[in-house]
């Protein structure tokens, strides 16, 4: 949100349950872990933050991006976090330690979205460079780049 907070709402009643404060700029993305115990958020302050969903306590601040963070997500098993940024990178983090794993490089413009496959063996990212890329989070290897066709190409 523009007030630099992550807000948690009760979907049934529409009541706000808590406001998570710690970011120093606009919050652009937030996601629950699959088991609902943690929340991850990304911000224009270039940080990724991990929160305890029950207490609202900030558990970790993940630093490494040099541009605005635009997308965050947990792996299905909750062991990893992926983040995308205006710095053209996709980063993989260990959810327990906050240690940065792979920095996935290949986009030529800001990354607008990033997510894990259900089994955690791949990451997909989209970018303002008009590409979608598929990655191996363990090795950091780009597995596939889906690029736009040029108008008139192959017609």
C-alpha atoms as a PDB file:
ATOM      1  CA  UNK A   1       0.000   0.000   0.000  1.00  0.00           C
ATOM      2  CA  UNK A   2       1.053   3.612  -0.433  1.00  0.00           C
ATOM      3  CA  UNK A   3       1.112   4.069   3.349  1.00  0.00           C
ATOM      4  CA  UNK A   4       4.090   1.631   3.495  1.00  0.00           C
ATOM      5  CA  UNK A   5       2.129  -1.068   5.326  1.00  0.00           C
ATOM      6  CA  UNK A   6       0.883  -4.574   4.600  1.00  0.00           C
ATOM      7  CA  UNK A   7      -2.719  -4.944   5.698  1.00  0.00           C
ATOM      8  CA  UNK A   8      -4.301  -8.269   6.611  1.00  0.00           C
ATOM      9  CA  UNK A   9      -8.084  -8.521   6.242  1.00  0.00           C
ATOM     10  CA  UNK A  10     -10.703 -11.060   7.212  1.00  0.00           C
ATOM     11  CA  UNK A  11     -12.123 -12.038   3.820  1.00  0.00           C
ATOM     12  CA  UNK A  12     -15.537 -13.007   5.226  1.00  0.00           C
ATOM     13  CA  UNK A  13     -16.223  -9.894   7.317  1.00  0.00           C
ATOM     14  CA  UNK A  14     -14.040  -7.357   5.508  1.00  0.00           C
ATOM     15  CA  UNK A  15     -12.557  -6.370   8.856  1.00  0.00           C
ATOM     16  CA  UNK A  16      -8.902  -5.349   9.024  1.00  0.00           C
ATOM     17  CA  UNK A  17      -7.031  -7.750  11.310  1.00  0.00           C
ATOM     18  CA  UNK A  18      -3.629  -6.075  11.395  1.00  0.00           C
ATOM     19  CA  UNK A  19      -1.307  -3.619   9.694  1.00  0.00           C
ATOM     20  CA  UNK A  20       2.293  -4.778   9.281  1.00  0.00           C
ATOM     21  CA  UNK A  21       4.709  -1.857   9.427  1.00  0.00           C
ATOM     22  CA  UNK A  22       8.409  -1.848   8.602  1.00  0.00           C
ATOM     23  CA  UNK A  23       8.769  -0.914   4.952  1.00  0.00           C
ATOM     24  CA  UNK A  24      10.003   2.617   4.310  1.00  0.00           C
ATOM     25  CA  UNK A  25       8.289   3.061   0.929  1.00  0.00           C
ATOM     26  CA  UNK A  26       5.266   1.828  -1.057  1.00  0.00           C
ATOM     27  CA  UNK A  27       4.474  -1.890  -0.682  1.00  0.00           C
ATOM     28  CA  UNK A  28       3.930  -3.439  -4.125  1.00  0.00           C
ATOM     29  CA  UNK A  29       3.424  -7.138  -3.459  1.00  0.00           C
ATOM     30  CA  UNK A  30       2.482  -9.499  -0.631  1.00  0.00           C
ATOM     31  CA  UNK A  31       1.725 -13.213  -0.359  1.00  0.00           C
ATOM     32  CA  UNK A  32       0.949 -15.805   2.287  1.00  0.00           C
ATOM     33  CA  UNK A  33       2.986 -18.966   2.704  1.00  0.00           C
ATOM     34  CA  UNK A  34       0.965 -22.021   1.664  1.00  0.00           C
ATOM     35  CA  UNK A  35       0.390 -23.029   5.305  1.00  0.00           C
ATOM     36  CA  UNK A  36      -0.715 -19.495   6.205  1.00  0.00           C
ATOM     37  CA  UNK A  37       1.859 -18.983   8.953  1.00  0.00           C
ATOM     38  CA  UNK A  38       3.985 -16.351   7.219  1.00  0.00           C
ATOM     39  CA  UNK A  39       3.576 -13.382   4.907  1.00  0.00           C
ATOM     40  CA  UNK A  40       6.200 -12.072   2.494  1.00  0.00           C
ATOM     41  CA  UNK A  41       6.126  -8.522   1.139  1.00  0.00           C
ATOM     42  CA  UNK A  42       8.108  -6.470  -1.364  1.00  0.00           C
ATOM     43  CA  UNK A  43       8.473  -2.716  -1.613  1.00  0.00           C
ATOM     44  CA  UNK A  44       9.857   0.252  -3.465  1.00  0.00           C
ATOM     45  CA  UNK A  45      12.350   0.422  -0.565  1.00  0.00           C
ATOM     46  CA  UNK A  46      14.163  -2.471  -2.372  1.00  0.00           C
ATOM     47  CA  UNK A  47      13.571  -4.892   0.487  1.00  0.00           C
ATOM     48  CA  UNK A  48      11.714  -8.171   0.894  1.00  0.00           C
ATOM     49  CA  UNK A  49      10.263  -8.704   4.375  1.00  0.00           C
ATOM     50  CA  UNK A  50       8.963 -11.837   6.062  1.00  0.00           C
ATOM     51  CA  UNK A  51       6.287 -11.583   8.755  1.00  0.00           C
ATOM     52  CA  UNK A  52       4.663 -13.927  11.258  1.00  0.00           C
ATOM     53  CA  UNK A  53       1.036 -14.009  10.092  1.00  0.00           C
ATOM     54  CA  UNK A  54      -0.446 -14.562  13.573  1.00  0.00           C
ATOM     55  CA  UNK A  55       1.470 -11.931  15.538  1.00  0.00           C
ATOM     56  CA  UNK A  56       2.413  -9.505  12.749  1.00  0.00           C
ATOM     57  CA  UNK A  57       6.016  -9.572  13.950  1.00  0.00           C
ATOM     58  CA  UNK A  58       8.670  -8.855  11.330  1.00  0.00           C
ATOM     59  CA  UNK A  59      10.875 -11.956  11.135  1.00  0.00           C
ATOM     60  CA  UNK A  60      13.399 -11.018   8.450  1.00  0.00           C
ATOM     61  CA  UNK A  61      14.476  -8.245   6.104  1.00  0.00           C
ATOM     62  CA  UNK A  62      15.981  -9.618   2.891  1.00  0.00           C
ATOM     63  CA  UNK A  63      18.366  -7.198   1.183  1.00  0.00           C
ATOM     64  CA  UNK A  64      19.962  -7.670  -2.219  1.00  0.00           C
ATOM     65  CA  UNK A  65      17.860  -5.949  -4.839  1.00  0.00           C
ATOM     66  CA  UNK A  66      19.138  -2.636  -6.180  1.00  0.00           C
ATOM     67  CA  UNK A  67      15.758  -1.583  -7.580  1.00  0.00           C
ATOM     68  CA  UNK A  68      12.131  -1.518  -6.530  1.00  0.00           C
ATOM     69  CA  UNK A  69      10.760  -4.953  -5.588  1.00  0.00           C
ATOM     70  CA  UNK A  70       7.642  -5.632  -7.647  1.00  0.00           C
ATOM     71  CA  UNK A  71       6.766  -9.272  -6.971  1.00  0.00           C
ATOM     72  CA  UNK A  72       7.162 -11.789  -4.139  1.00  0.00           C
ATOM     73  CA  UNK A  73       5.983 -15.360  -3.576  1.00  0.00           C
ATOM     74  CA  UNK A  74       6.656 -18.411  -1.425  1.00  0.00           C
ATOM     75  CA  UNK A  75       7.378 -21.840  -2.860  1.00  0.00           C
ATOM     76  CA  UNK A  76       4.537 -24.295  -2.216  1.00  0.00           C
ATOM     77  CA  UNK A  77       6.515 -26.063   0.535  1.00  0.00           C
ATOM     78  CA  UNK A  78       7.377 -22.720   2.172  1.00  0.00           C
ATOM     79  CA  UNK A  79      11.138 -23.263   2.109  1.00  0.00           C
ATOM     80  CA  UNK A  80      11.970 -20.635  -0.511  1.00  0.00           C
ATOM     81  CA  UNK A  81      10.934 -17.133  -1.506  1.00  0.00           C
ATOM     82  CA  UNK A  82      11.208 -15.614  -4.975  1.00  0.00           C
ATOM     83  CA  UNK A  83      11.285 -11.881  -5.676  1.00  0.00           C
ATOM     84  CA  UNK A  84      11.366  -9.813  -8.853  1.00  0.00           C
ATOM     85  CA  UNK A  85      12.601  -6.260  -9.195  1.00  0.00           C
ATOM     86  CA  UNK A  86      13.111  -3.220 -11.381  1.00  0.00           C
ATOM     87  CA  UNK A  87      16.831  -4.115 -11.184  1.00  0.00           C
ATOM     88  CA  UNK A  88      16.045  -6.755 -13.887  1.00  0.00           C
ATOM     89  CA  UNK A  89      16.758  -9.660 -11.535  1.00  0.00           C
ATOM     90  CA  UNK A  90      14.801 -12.501 -10.000  1.00  0.00           C
ATOM     91  CA  UNK A  91      16.186 -13.573  -6.628  1.00  0.00           C
ATOM     92  CA  UNK A  92      15.681 -16.782  -4.694  1.00  0.00           C
ATOM     93  CA  UNK A  93      15.909 -16.744  -0.901  1.00  0.00           C
ATOM     94  CA  UNK A  94      15.965 -19.405   1.805  1.00  0.00           C
ATOM     95  CA  UNK A  95      12.770 -18.694   3.763  1.00  0.00           C
ATOM     96  CA  UNK A  96      14.147 -19.946   7.096  1.00  0.00           C
ATOM     97  CA  UNK A  97      17.522 -18.185   7.130  1.00  0.00           C
ATOM     98  CA  UNK A  98      16.895 -15.269   4.755  1.00  0.00           C
ATOM     99  CA  UNK A  99      20.065 -16.231   2.909  1.00  0.00           C
ATOM    100  CA  UNK A 100      20.089 -15.208  -0.744  1.00  0.00           C
ATOM    101  CA  UNK A 101      20.481 -18.191  -3.043  1.00  0.00           C
ATOM    102  CA  UNK A 102      20.421 -17.563  -6.760  1.00  0.00           C
ATOM    103  CA  UNK A 103      20.225 -14.199  -8.518  1.00  0.00           C
ATOM    104  CA  UNK A 104      18.605 -15.054 -11.844  1.00  0.00           C
ATOM    105  CA  UNK A 105      19.836 -12.740 -14.598  1.00  0.00           C
ATOM    106  CA  UNK A 106      18.511 -12.551 -18.148  1.00  0.00           C
ATOM    107  CA  UNK A 107      15.752  -9.980 -18.296  1.00  0.00           C
ATOM    108  CA  UNK A 108      16.667  -6.696 -19.964  1.00  0.00           C
ATOM    109  CA  UNK A 109      14.051  -4.577 -18.185  1.00  0.00           C
ATOM    110  CA  UNK A 110      12.304  -4.623 -14.824  1.00  0.00           C
ATOM    111  CA  UNK A 111      10.677  -7.837 -13.635  1.00  0.00           C
ATOM    112  CA  UNK A 112       6.940  -7.447 -13.066  1.00  0.00           C
ATOM    113  CA  UNK A 113       6.053 -10.912 -11.753  1.00  0.00           C
ATOM    114  CA  UNK A 114       7.657 -14.082 -10.432  1.00  0.00           C
ATOM    115  CA  UNK A 115       6.261 -17.358  -9.098  1.00  0.00           C
ATOM    116  CA  UNK A 116       7.261 -20.940  -8.302  1.00  0.00           C
ATOM    117  CA  UNK A 117       5.836 -23.997 -10.023  1.00  0.00           C
ATOM    118  CA  UNK A 118       3.767 -26.137  -7.648  1.00  0.00           C
ATOM    119  CA  UNK A 119       6.597 -28.641  -7.174  1.00  0.00           C
ATOM    120  CA  UNK A 120       9.196 -25.883  -6.643  1.00  0.00           C
ATOM    121  CA  UNK A 121      11.480 -27.098  -9.431  1.00  0.00           C
ATOM    122  CA  UNK A 122      10.900 -24.079 -11.672  1.00  0.00           C
ATOM    123  CA  UNK A 123      10.335 -20.357 -11.421  1.00  0.00           C
ATOM    124  CA  UNK A 124       8.526 -18.315 -14.039  1.00  0.00           C
ATOM    125  CA  UNK A 125       9.070 -14.574 -14.393  1.00  0.00           C
ATOM    126  CA  UNK A 126       7.579 -11.860 -16.561  1.00  0.00           C
ATOM    127  CA  UNK A 127       9.211  -8.589 -17.440  1.00  0.00           C
ATOM    128  CA  UNK A 128       8.651  -5.254 -19.094  1.00  0.00           C
ATOM    129  CA  UNK A 129      11.172  -6.518 -21.671  1.00  0.00           C
ATOM    130  CA  UNK A 130       8.125  -8.428 -23.008  1.00  0.00           C
ATOM    131  CA  UNK A 131       9.586 -11.838 -22.168  1.00  0.00           C
ATOM    132  CA  UNK A 132       8.527 -14.674 -19.924  1.00  0.00           C
ATOM    133  CA  UNK A 133      11.419 -16.749 -18.617  1.00  0.00           C
ATOM    134  CA  UNK A 134      11.504 -20.130 -16.917  1.00  0.00           C
ATOM    135  CA  UNK A 135      14.335 -20.858 -14.468  1.00  0.00           C
ATOM    136  CA  UNK A 136      15.799 -23.677 -12.411  1.00  0.00           C
ATOM    137  CA  UNK A 137      15.972 -22.181  -8.899  1.00  0.00           C
ATOM    138  CA  UNK A 138      18.618 -24.676  -7.725  1.00  0.00           C
ATOM    139  CA  UNK A 139      21.182 -23.929 -10.445  1.00  0.00           C
ATOM    140  CA  UNK A 140      20.050 -20.461 -11.508  1.00  0.00           C
ATOM    141  CA  UNK A 141      19.953 -21.707 -15.100  1.00  0.00           C
ATOM    142  CA  UNK A 142      17.490 -20.155 -17.526  1.00  0.00           C
ATOM    143  CA  UNK A 143      15.528 -23.072 -18.985  1.00  0.00           C
ATOM    144  CA  UNK A 144      13.420 -21.195 -21.499  1.00  0.00           C
ATOM    145  CA  UNK A 145      12.818 -17.664 -22.744  1.00  0.00           C
ATOM    146  CA  UNK A 146       9.467 -16.950 -24.323  1.00  0.00           C
ATOM    147  CA  UNK A 147       9.979 -13.860 -26.437  1.00  0.00           C
ATOM    148  CA  UNK A 148       7.408 -11.863 -28.380  1.00  0.00           C
ATOM    149  CA  UNK A 149       7.157 -12.423 -32.092  1.00  0.00           C
ATOM    150  CA  UNK A 150       8.025  -9.463 -34.215  1.00  0.00           C
ATOM    151  CA  UNK A 151       5.074  -8.197 -36.218  1.00  0.00           C
ATOM    152  CA  UNK A 152       5.241  -9.745 -39.667  1.00  0.00           C
ATOM    153  CA  UNK A 153       7.765 -12.385 -38.610  1.00  0.00           C
ATOM    154  CA  UNK A 154       6.977 -15.804 -40.003  1.00  0.00           C
ATOM    155  CA  UNK A 155       3.848 -14.686 -41.822  1.00  0.00           C
END
